[in-house]
Amino acid sequence: MKGASDVLSTILMVGVFLTLLSITLAYAYYTSFANTFRTEYLYYRQVMLNMASNLYYVLNGGGYTVTYPKTTMSMGYRLAGYIRFYVNSSTTPVAEIPCYTITSASFSIPSQGARYIYGGLSPVVNDTRLLSSVREFYENNSARIELDTCRVYASVQATYDRLGSFYYFNILAVSLNPVHKPGGGYAELYPSSINQYWFYNVYNLTIVVKSPGSPSIFVLGPRDISNYYTGGPVTLSLTVVNVSVVLT
């Protein structure tokens, strides 16, 4: 009986050991891959930040290229908003800019809270370095990172004389034009063209912005664009820089 008891004890101990070993190996396997997923996500996060911060140089005629791995994540794009310009009593926009975003998603890491990590939601900025923004959010069971340029830069100069006030509005917007090409994991940004619009004796200007990061639509008038505006005619200069984004 004692021999049988020893054999049973040995079997139980071996069973417990094998169970613990399998749990340990499974945990190590999961932890190893979880670290890989997290590392790749953080890499893509930094890639987006680099693209956003270097867009300033692209707008000044330069180019920017960045590489990224393609293990569990990749770069993509989507049409997620628009910017429309209405002048005086126009019922159709005199110019419309589609808001494409550069996006990447991970289905392998926990939910990330929605937040901007570069730039912000404001539809009007006073620094061209803030024309791009990067945000993190959770959508369709995936943690996402997204870069967009769905906002305008505004610079306003005013002159005053005996006839009243006169204003010069200089508006700059960026239109991302993304395209996929076969290749090995890099993104290239460069200016492809510039559209220039001029409008004189403008008494009513409306800019409508549907931003990817906001459920509501921004409707902006001259006083929303500039604190300097107190009424009067406007000369509007609208510059749209088209930026090609090649994703491979």
Protein backbone atom coordinates (compact mmCIF):
# COMPACT_ATOMS: atom_id res chain seq x y z
CA MET A 1 0.00 0.00 0.00
CA LYS A 2 2.86 2.35 0.86
CA GLY A 3 4.41 1.80 -2.59
CA ALA A 4 1.12 2.59 -4.30
CA SER A 5 0.77 5.71 -2.15
CA ASP A 6 4.26 6.88 -3.14
CA VAL A 7 3.49 6.35 -6.83
CA LEU A 8 0.22 8.31 -6.49
CA SER A 9 2.01 11.15 -4.70
CA THR A 10 4.65 11.26 -7.40
CA ILE A 11 2.00 11.37 -10.13
CA LEU A 12 0.19 14.20 -8.35
CA MET A 13 3.40 16.17 -7.87
CA VAL A 14 4.35 15.70 -11.53
CA GLY A 15 0.84 16.77 -12.54
CA VAL A 16 1.02 19.91 -10.39
CA PHE A 17 4.50 20.69 -11.76
CA LEU A 18 3.38 20.29 -15.36
CA THR A 19 0.32 22.48 -14.71
CA LEU A 20 2.43 25.21 -13.16
CA LEU A 21 4.95 24.91 -15.98
CA SER A 22 2.26 25.26 -18.64
CA ILE A 23 0.78 28.29 -16.87
CA THR A 24 4.23 29.88 -16.57
CA LEU A 25 5.04 29.25 -20.23
CA ALA A 26 1.65 30.58 -21.34
CA TYR A 27 2.11 33.70 -19.23
CA ALA A 28 5.64 34.23 -20.56
CA TYR A 29 4.37 33.75 -24.11
CA TYR A 30 1.52 36.22 -23.59
CA THR A 31 3.78 38.75 -21.84
CA SER A 32 6.37 38.51 -24.59
CA PHE A 33 3.81 39.19 -27.32
CA ALA A 34 2.04 41.84 -25.24
CA ASN A 35 5.35 43.69 -24.93
CA THR A 36 5.88 43.37 -28.68
CA PHE A 37 2.41 44.76 -29.40
CA ARG A 38 2.93 47.63 -26.98
CA THR A 39 6.37 48.44 -28.35
CA GLU A 40 5.09 48.53 -31.91
CA TYR A 41 2.16 50.74 -30.91
CA LEU A 42 4.52 53.22 -29.22
CA TYR A 43 6.74 53.18 -32.31
CA TYR A 44 3.78 54.11 -34.53
CA ARG A 45 2.79 56.77 -32.02
CA GLN A 46 6.22 58.36 -32.36
CA VAL A 47 6.08 58.08 -36.15
CA MET A 48 2.82 60.06 -36.17
CA LEU A 49 4.32 62.69 -33.86
CA ASN A 50 7.36 63.01 -36.12
CA MET A 51 5.16 63.44 -39.19
CA ALA A 52 3.09 66.12 -37.44
CA SER A 53 6.07 68.09 -36.15
CA ASN A 54 7.88 67.94 -39.52
CA LEU A 55 4.87 69.08 -41.55
CA TYR A 56 6.02 72.65 -40.92
CA TYR A 57 9.12 72.02 -43.05
CA VAL A 58 7.04 70.34 -45.76
CA LEU A 59 4.87 73.47 -46.00
CA ASN A 60 8.03 75.45 -46.63
CA GLY A 61 8.98 73.34 -49.63
CA GLY A 62 10.83 70.48 -47.97
CA GLY A 63 10.10 66.78 -47.71
CA TYR A 64 10.02 64.23 -44.94
CA THR A 65 10.34 60.44 -44.93
CA VAL A 66 9.97 58.06 -41.98
CA THR A 67 10.12 54.27 -41.80
CA TYR A 68 8.02 51.93 -39.65
CA PRO A 69 7.68 48.17 -39.05
CA LYS A 70 4.76 46.18 -40.44
CA THR A 71 4.28 43.30 -37.99
CA THR A 72 0.84 43.73 -36.43
CA MET A 73 0.19 47.35 -37.49
CA SER A 74 0.39 49.40 -40.67
CA MET A 75 -0.46 52.88 -41.94
CA GLY A 76 -3.72 53.70 -43.64
CA TYR A 77 -5.97 56.66 -44.33
CA ARG A 78 -9.62 57.66 -44.39
CA LEU A 79 -11.81 60.61 -45.34
CA ALA A 80 -13.14 61.90 -42.03
CA GLY A 81 -14.16 65.55 -42.42
CA TYR A 82 -14.06 68.71 -44.53
CA ILE A 83 -13.44 72.47 -44.53
CA ARG A 84 -15.83 74.67 -46.53
CA PHE A 85 -15.49 78.39 -47.29
CA TYR A 86 -18.49 80.61 -48.03
CA VAL A 87 -18.05 84.23 -49.13
CA ASN A 88 -20.76 86.92 -48.89
CA SER A 89 -24.12 85.38 -49.80
CA SER A 90 -22.83 82.24 -51.54
CA THR A 91 -24.93 79.13 -50.83
CA THR A 92 -22.32 76.77 -52.23
CA PRO A 93 -18.74 76.82 -50.97
CA VAL A 94 -16.24 78.83 -53.00
CA ALA A 95 -13.63 76.30 -51.88
CA GLU A 96 -13.88 72.91 -50.18
CA ILE A 97 -11.06 70.87 -48.68
CA PRO A 98 -11.53 67.18 -47.86
CA CYS A 99 -10.02 66.19 -44.52
CA TYR A 100 -8.11 62.95 -44.98
CA THR A 101 -6.44 61.45 -41.94
CA ILE A 102 -3.41 59.17 -41.62
CA THR A 103 -4.41 56.40 -39.25
CA SER A 104 -3.11 53.24 -37.64
CA ALA A 105 -4.80 50.75 -35.33
CA SER A 106 -3.82 47.96 -32.95
CA PHE A 107 -6.29 45.20 -32.03
CA SER A 108 -3.83 43.70 -29.56
CA ILE A 109 -3.47 46.28 -26.77
CA PRO A 110 -6.01 47.57 -24.21
CA SER A 111 -8.19 50.61 -24.75
CA GLN A 112 -6.42 53.98 -24.92
CA GLY A 113 -8.20 57.03 -23.56
CA ALA A 114 -9.19 59.66 -26.14
CA ARG A 115 -6.73 62.55 -26.06
CA TYR A 116 -4.65 64.83 -28.26
CA ILE A 117 -0.91 64.22 -27.99
CA TYR A 118 0.02 66.91 -30.52
CA GLY A 119 -1.86 70.05 -31.52
CA GLY A 120 -5.52 70.07 -30.58
CA LEU A 121 -9.12 70.30 -31.69
CA SER A 122 -9.25 74.08 -32.24
CA PRO A 123 -10.45 74.83 -35.82
CA VAL A 124 -8.31 78.01 -35.98
CA VAL A 125 -4.63 78.25 -35.02
CA ASN A 126 -2.17 81.15 -35.01
CA ASP A 127 0.93 79.01 -35.60
CA THR A 128 1.51 76.97 -38.76
CA ARG A 129 3.25 74.31 -36.66
CA LEU A 130 -0.16 73.52 -35.16
CA LEU A 131 -1.92 72.90 -38.47
CA SER A 132 -1.52 69.18 -37.83
CA SER A 133 -2.71 67.26 -34.79
CA VAL A 134 -2.35 63.70 -33.50
CA ARG A 135 -4.88 62.02 -31.25
CA GLU A 136 -5.31 58.64 -29.59
CA PHE A 137 -8.73 57.04 -29.20
CA TYR A 138 -10.51 53.69 -29.12
CA GLU A 139 -12.82 52.64 -31.94
CA ASN A 140 -14.12 49.36 -33.37
CA ASN A 141 -12.29 47.29 -30.73
CA SER A 142 -8.94 48.82 -31.59
CA ALA A 143 -6.58 51.40 -30.10
CA ARG A 144 -6.03 54.04 -32.78
CA ILE A 145 -3.57 56.82 -33.57
CA GLU A 146 -4.63 59.43 -36.11
CA LEU A 147 -3.02 62.47 -37.72
CA ASP A 148 -5.11 65.14 -39.41
CA THR A 149 -4.86 68.73 -40.69
CA CYS A 150 -8.53 69.69 -40.46
CA ARG A 151 -8.07 73.30 -39.31
CA VAL A 152 -6.94 76.65 -40.67
CA TYR A 153 -4.17 79.09 -39.86
CA ALA A 154 -5.32 82.71 -39.76
CA SER A 155 -3.32 85.91 -39.88
CA VAL A 156 -5.15 89.25 -39.90
CA GLN A 157 -3.85 92.77 -40.52
CA ALA A 158 -5.99 95.87 -40.09
CA THR A 159 -5.68 99.43 -41.38
CA TYR A 160 -7.61 102.43 -40.09
CA ASP A 161 -8.27 105.75 -41.78
CA ARG A 162 -10.96 108.41 -41.96
CA LEU A 163 -13.07 106.10 -44.12
CA GLY A 164 -13.10 103.36 -41.47
CA SER A 165 -11.44 100.02 -40.89
CA PHE A 166 -10.14 97.68 -43.55
CA TYR A 167 -8.95 94.12 -42.97
CA TYR A 168 -6.70 91.69 -44.78
CA PHE A 169 -7.41 88.04 -43.88
CA ASN A 170 -4.67 85.55 -44.78
CA ILE A 171 -6.03 82.01 -44.39
CA LEU A 172 -3.84 78.92 -44.86
CA ALA A 173 -5.12 75.33 -45.02
CA VAL A 174 -3.46 71.98 -45.70
CA SER A 175 -5.01 69.24 -47.79
CA LEU A 176 -3.47 65.80 -47.25
CA ASN A 177 -3.53 63.61 -50.37
CA PRO A 178 -2.66 60.10 -49.20
CA VAL A 179 -1.99 57.18 -51.53
CA HIS A 180 -0.94 53.56 -50.99
CA LYS A 181 1.92 52.08 -52.98
CA PRO A 182 3.56 48.66 -52.71
CA GLY A 183 6.75 48.82 -50.72
CA GLY A 184 8.44 48.16 -47.46
CA GLY A 185 7.13 50.32 -44.64
CA TYR A 186 7.77 54.01 -45.07
CA ALA A 187 5.77 57.22 -45.28
CA GLU A 188 6.85 60.13 -47.47
CA LEU A 189 5.44 63.66 -47.27
CA TYR A 190 6.07 66.39 -49.82
CA PRO A 191 4.19 69.43 -51.20
CA SER A 192 2.57 68.60 -54.54
CA SER A 193 0.77 71.86 -55.46
CA ILE A 194 -0.61 75.13 -54.12
CA ASN A 195 -4.04 76.63 -54.81
CA GLN A 196 -4.48 80.37 -54.28
CA TYR A 197 -7.84 82.15 -53.99
CA TRP A 198 -8.46 85.91 -53.71
CA PHE A 199 -11.71 87.61 -52.74
CA TYR A 200 -12.19 91.39 -52.46
CA ASN A 201 -14.83 93.47 -50.68
CA VAL A 202 -15.93 90.55 -48.56
CA TYR A 203 -18.63 91.52 -46.07
CA ASN A 204 -19.52 88.05 -44.90
CA LEU A 205 -17.13 85.11 -44.49
CA THR A 206 -18.14 81.72 -43.11
CA ILE A 207 -15.84 78.74 -42.57
CA VAL A 208 -17.46 75.39 -41.77
CA VAL A 209 -15.18 72.73 -40.28
CA LYS A 210 -16.14 69.09 -39.73
CA SER A 211 -13.18 67.82 -37.74
CA PRO A 212 -12.43 64.08 -37.35
CA GLY A 213 -11.99 64.62 -33.61
CA SER A 214 -15.32 66.34 -32.95
CA PRO A 215 -18.91 65.06 -33.22
CA SER A 216 -20.13 68.61 -33.83
CA ILE A 217 -19.50 71.03 -36.71
CA PHE A 218 -17.67 74.34 -36.22
CA VAL A 219 -19.23 77.35 -37.96
CA LEU A 220 -16.84 80.31 -37.93
CA GLY A 221 -17.39 83.92 -38.86
CA PRO A 222 -14.82 86.77 -39.06
CA ARG A 223 -15.06 87.46 -35.31
CA ASP A 224 -14.44 83.78 -34.55
CA ILE A 225 -11.34 83.84 -36.75
CA SER A 226 -9.80 87.01 -35.32
CA ASN A 227 -10.23 89.12 -32.20
CA TYR A 228 -9.05 92.14 -34.21
CA TYR A 229 -12.06 92.19 -36.48
CA THR A 230 -14.66 94.80 -35.49
CA GLY A 231 -16.57 94.99 -38.75
CA GLY A 232 -15.96 96.31 -42.23
CA PRO A 233 -14.84 95.02 -45.61
CA VAL A 234 -12.28 92.23 -45.91
CA THR A 235 -9.79 91.15 -48.53
CA LEU A 236 -9.44 87.40 -48.24
CA SER A 237 -6.38 85.48 -49.34
CA LEU A 238 -6.94 81.71 -49.11
CA THR A 239 -3.95 79.45 -49.69
CA VAL A 240 -4.38 75.66 -49.86
CA VAL A 241 -1.20 73.59 -49.78
CA ASN A 242 -1.70 70.09 -51.15
CA VAL A 243 0.60 67.63 -49.42
CA SER A 244 1.12 64.18 -50.92
CA VAL A 245 1.46 61.37 -48.37
CA VAL A 246 2.85 58.17 -49.86
CA LEU A 247 2.27 55.11 -47.65
CA THR A 248 3.94 51.82 -48.46
